[in-house]
C-alpha atoms as a PDB file:
ATOM      1  CA  MET A   1     -79.118 114.351  71.929  1.00  0.00           C
ATOM      2  CA  LYS A   2     -78.609 116.910  69.263  1.00  0.00           C
ATOM      3  CA  LYS A   3     -78.371 115.710  65.721  1.00  0.00           C
ATOM      4  CA  ILE A   4     -75.383 116.904  63.656  1.00  0.00           C
ATOM      5  CA  ASP A   5     -76.171 117.909  60.151  1.00  0.00           C
ATOM      6  CA  PRO A   6     -73.665 116.382  57.675  1.00  0.00           C
ATOM      7  CA  LEU A   7     -74.067 119.407  55.396  1.00  0.00           C
ATOM      8  CA  ILE A   8     -72.836 121.734  58.161  1.00  0.00           C
ATOM      9  CA  ILE A   9     -69.852 119.445  58.758  1.00  0.00           C
ATOM     10  CA  LEU A  10     -69.141 119.368  55.036  1.00  0.00           C
ATOM     11  CA  ASN A  11     -69.381 123.156  54.762  1.00  0.00           C
ATOM     12  CA  LYS A  12     -67.202 123.701  57.850  1.00  0.00           C
ATOM     13  CA  THR A  13     -64.631 121.171  56.574  1.00  0.00           C
ATOM     14  CA  SER A  14     -64.618 122.875  53.185  1.00  0.00           C
ATOM     15  CA  GLU A  15     -64.183 126.260  54.835  1.00  0.00           C
ATOM     16  CA  LEU A  16     -61.297 125.040  57.027  1.00  0.00           C
ATOM     17  CA  THR A  17     -59.680 123.349  54.026  1.00  0.00           C
ATOM     18  CA  ASP A  18     -59.917 126.574  52.023  1.00  0.00           C
ATOM     19  CA  GLN A  19     -58.410 128.524  54.910  1.00  0.00           C
ATOM     20  CA  ALA A  20     -55.550 126.029  55.227  1.00  0.00           C
ATOM     21  CA  ALA A  21     -54.969 126.164  51.472  1.00  0.00           C
ATOM     22  CA  ASP A  22     -54.914 129.981  51.592  1.00  0.00           C
ATOM     23  CA  LYS A  23     -52.416 129.921  54.469  1.00  0.00           C
ATOM     24  CA  ALA A  24     -50.232 127.415  52.593  1.00  0.00           C
ATOM     25  CA  LYS A  25     -50.372 129.593  49.444  1.00  0.00           C
ATOM     26  CA  ASP A  26     -49.437 132.669  51.495  1.00  0.00           C
ATOM     27  CA  ALA A  27     -46.505 130.774  53.025  1.00  0.00           C
ATOM     28  CA  ILE A  28     -45.371 129.596  49.579  1.00  0.00           C
ATOM     29  CA  ASP A  29     -45.656 133.134  48.202  1.00  0.00           C
ATOM     30  CA  ALA A  30     -43.683 134.543  51.145  1.00  0.00           C
ATOM     31  CA  THR A  31     -40.989 131.876  50.751  1.00  0.00           C
ATOM     32  CA  ASP A  32     -40.862 132.485  47.020  1.00  0.00           C
ATOM     33  CA  GLY A  33     -40.491 136.217  47.648  1.00  0.00           C
ATOM     34  CA  ILE A  34     -37.676 135.668  50.133  1.00  0.00           C
ATOM     35  CA  ALA A  35     -35.933 133.171  47.836  1.00  0.00           C
ATOM     36  CA  GLY A  36     -36.350 135.527  44.885  1.00  0.00           C
ATOM     37  CA  SER A  37     -34.947 138.389  46.927  1.00  0.00           C
ATOM     38  CA  ALA A  38     -31.987 136.259  48.040  1.00  0.00           C
ATOM     39  CA  LEU A  39     -31.400 135.176  44.459  1.00  0.00           C
ATOM     40  CA  ASN A  40     -31.504 138.784  43.256  1.00  0.00           C
ATOM     41  CA  THR A  41     -29.085 139.816  46.016  1.00  0.00           C
ATOM     42  CA  ALA A  42     -26.710 136.988  45.072  1.00  0.00           C
ATOM     43  CA  ARG A  43     -26.982 137.895  41.383  1.00  0.00           C
ATOM     44  CA  ASP A  44     -26.234 141.555  42.183  1.00  0.00           C
ATOM     45  CA  GLY A  45     -23.242 140.510  44.289  1.00  0.00           C
ATOM     46  CA  ILE A  46     -21.859 138.379  41.468  1.00  0.00           C
ATOM     47  CA  GLU A  47     -22.297 141.231  38.992  1.00  0.00           C
ATOM     48  CA  THR A  48     -20.527 143.611  41.374  1.00  0.00           C
ATOM     49  CA  LEU A  49     -17.628 141.155  41.707  1.00  0.00           C
ATOM     50  CA  ARG A  50     -17.504 140.724  37.949  1.00  0.00           C
ATOM     51  CA  GLU A  51     -17.241 144.500  37.556  1.00  0.00           C
ATOM     52  CA  LYS A  52     -14.624 144.888  40.322  1.00  0.00           C
ATOM     53  CA  ILE A  53     -12.245 142.126  39.168  1.00  0.00           C
ATOM     54  CA  PRO A  54     -10.807 144.035  36.170  1.00  0.00           C
ATOM     55  CA  GLU A  55     -10.372 147.152  38.327  1.00  0.00           C
ATOM     56  CA  THR A  56      -8.613 145.125  41.024  1.00  0.00           C
ATOM     57  CA  VAL A  57      -6.334 143.382  38.530  1.00  0.00           C
ATOM     58  CA  ALA A  58      -5.495 146.715  36.894  1.00  0.00           C
ATOM     59  CA  ALA A  59      -4.702 148.247  40.292  1.00  0.00           C
ATOM     60  CA  ALA A  60      -2.479 145.281  41.196  1.00  0.00           C
ATOM     61  CA  ALA A  61      -0.658 145.527  37.848  1.00  0.00           C
ATOM     62  CA  GLN A  62      -0.118 149.252  38.386  1.00  0.00           C
ATOM     63  CA  GLU A  63       1.268 148.581  41.880  1.00  0.00           C
ATOM     64  CA  LEU A  64       3.639 145.943  40.453  1.00  0.00           C
ATOM     65  CA  ARG A  65       4.853 148.407  37.820  1.00  0.00           C
ATOM     66  CA  HIS A  66       5.419 150.985  40.554  1.00  0.00           C
ATOM     67  CA  LEU A  67       7.360 148.489  42.699  1.00  0.00           C
ATOM     68  CA  LYS A  68       9.446 147.430  39.700  1.00  0.00           C
ATOM     69  CA  CYS A  69      10.355 151.046  38.979  1.00  0.00           C
ATOM     70  CA  ALA A  70      11.182 151.646  42.627  1.00  0.00           C
ATOM     71  CA  GLY A  71      13.408 148.547  42.621  1.00  0.00           C
ATOM     72  CA  MET A  72      15.167 149.685  39.457  1.00  0.00           C
ATOM     73  CA  ASP A  73      15.723 153.151  40.949  1.00  0.00           C
ATOM     74  CA  CYS A  74      17.137 151.576  44.095  1.00  0.00           C
ATOM     75  CA  ALA A  75      19.504 149.367  42.051  1.00  0.00           C
ATOM     76  CA  ARG A  76      20.663 152.377  40.007  1.00  0.00           C
ATOM     77  CA  HIS A  77      21.315 154.346  43.184  1.00  0.00           C
ATOM     78  CA  ALA A  78      23.317 151.459  44.679  1.00  0.00           C
ATOM     79  CA  ARG A  79      25.324 151.117  41.461  1.00  0.00           C
ATOM     80  CA  ASP A  80      26.056 154.845  41.399  1.00  0.00           C
ATOM     81  CA  THR A  81      27.090 154.810  45.069  1.00  0.00           C
ATOM     82  CA  VAL A  82      29.485 151.885  44.527  1.00  0.00           C
ATOM     83  CA  LYS A  83      30.926 153.563  41.421  1.00  0.00           C
ATOM     84  CA  ASP A  84      31.398 156.850  43.275  1.00  0.00           C
ATOM     85  CA  ASN A  85      33.100 155.082  46.203  1.00  0.00           C
ATOM     86  CA  PHE A  86      35.350 153.142  43.836  1.00  0.00           C
ATOM     87  CA  ASP A  87      36.270 156.340  41.978  1.00  0.00           C
ATOM     88  CA  TYR A  88      37.066 158.076  45.274  1.00  0.00           C
ATOM     89  CA  ALA A  89      39.235 155.166  46.464  1.00  0.00           C
ATOM     90  CA  SER A  90      41.038 155.079  43.119  1.00  0.00           C
ATOM     91  CA  ARG A  91      41.744 158.839  43.154  1.00  0.00           C
ATOM     92  CA  TYR A  92      42.876 158.668  46.790  1.00  0.00           C
ATOM     93  CA  SER A  93      45.212 155.742  46.018  1.00  0.00           C
ATOM     94  CA  VAL A  94      46.786 157.563  43.082  1.00  0.00           C
ATOM     95  CA  LEU A  95      47.246 160.673  45.225  1.00  0.00           C
ATOM     96  CA  TYR A  96      48.826 158.615  48.049  1.00  0.00           C
ATOM     97  CA  VAL A  97      51.237 156.912  45.632  1.00  0.00           C
ATOM     98  CA  LYS A  98      52.250 160.302  44.170  1.00  0.00           C
ATOM     99  CA  ARG A  99      52.883 161.764  47.641  1.00  0.00           C
ATOM    100  CA  ASN A 100      54.618 158.651  49.084  1.00  0.00           C
ATOM    101  CA  PRO A 101      56.255 156.684  46.251  1.00  0.00           C
ATOM    102  CA  GLY A 102      58.818 154.859  48.415  1.00  0.00           C
ATOM    103  CA  LYS A 103      56.318 153.873  51.054  1.00  0.00           C
ATOM    104  CA  SER A 104      53.852 152.790  48.346  1.00  0.00           C
ATOM    105  CA  MET A 105      56.460 150.522  46.722  1.00  0.00           C
ATOM    106  CA  LEU A 106      57.264 148.957  50.089  1.00  0.00           C
ATOM    107  CA  ILE A 107      53.526 148.377  50.839  1.00  0.00           C
ATOM    108  CA  ALA A 108      53.016 146.856  47.362  1.00  0.00           C
ATOM    109  CA  ALA A 109      56.013 144.549  47.771  1.00  0.00           C
ATOM    110  CA  LEU A 110      54.904 143.408  51.224  1.00  0.00           C
ATOM    111  CA  SER A 111      51.334 142.863  50.006  1.00  0.00           C
ATOM    112  CA  GLY A 112      52.636 140.765  47.113  1.00  0.00           C
ATOM    113  CA  ALA A 113      54.812 138.713  49.476  1.00  0.00           C
ATOM    114  CA  VAL A 114      51.877 138.071  51.821  1.00  0.00           C
ATOM    115  CA  VAL A 115      49.640 136.975  48.925  1.00  0.00           C
ATOM    116  CA  ALA A 116      52.380 134.689  47.568  1.00  0.00           C
ATOM    117  CA  ALA A 117      52.899 133.141  51.028  1.00  0.00           C
ATOM    118  CA  LEU A 118      49.143 132.516  51.391  1.00  0.00           C
ATOM    119  CA  ILE A 119      48.966 130.879  47.974  1.00  0.00           C
ATOM    120  CA  ASN A 120      51.985 128.724  48.843  1.00  0.00           C
ATOM    121  CA  CYS A 121      50.318 127.625  52.125  1.00  0.00           C
ATOM    122  CA  ILE A 122      47.090 126.739  50.334  1.00  0.00           C
ATOM    123  CA  ILE A 123      48.923 124.698  47.688  1.00  0.00           C
ATOM    124  CA  ARG A 124      50.920 122.786  50.358  1.00  0.00           C
ATOM    125  CA  SER A 125      47.756 122.150  52.370  1.00  0.00           C
ATOM    126  CA  ASN A 126      45.989 120.736  49.292  1.00  0.00           C
ATOM    127  CA  SER A 127      48.934 118.521  48.366  1.00  0.00           C
ATOM    128  CA  ARG A 128      49.070 117.008  51.913  1.00  0.00           C
ATOM    129  CA  ASP A 129      45.322 116.239  51.836  1.00  0.00           C
ATOM    130  CA  GLU A 130      45.650 114.208  48.623  1.00  0.00           C
END
C-alpha cells in the first residue's frame, strides 16, 4: 500500500483553505458592492424626493390659488346674473303696473288676501295643536 505523506496533505489542505478563503472574500466583496450600490441608489432616491417635495407643494399651492380664483369668479358671475335678473323683473313689474294700473291693484289686493288667509290658517292650526 502506498504511504501518504502528511506534508502533502498539509500543503493540499492549506491550498484548499486558501482557495475557500479567497472565494469567501470574493463573495463578501461582491455582497458589499451590491449593498453599497443599493444604499447609494436609496440615498439618491431620498435626495430626489427631498428636492421634489418643495416643487410639489408649490405646484399644489398654485393649483389651490387658481381654484380659489376660479371659484370667486364663478360666485361673482352668479351674483351678477341674479342681480341682472332681479333688475329685469323689477323694471318689467314697474312697466306692467304703469300700463295696467287697475289690474295691478286687483292682483295686489288678491295676493294680499291670499297671504292673509294662509297666515290665518297657520295660526289656527298651531292653536289647535297646543
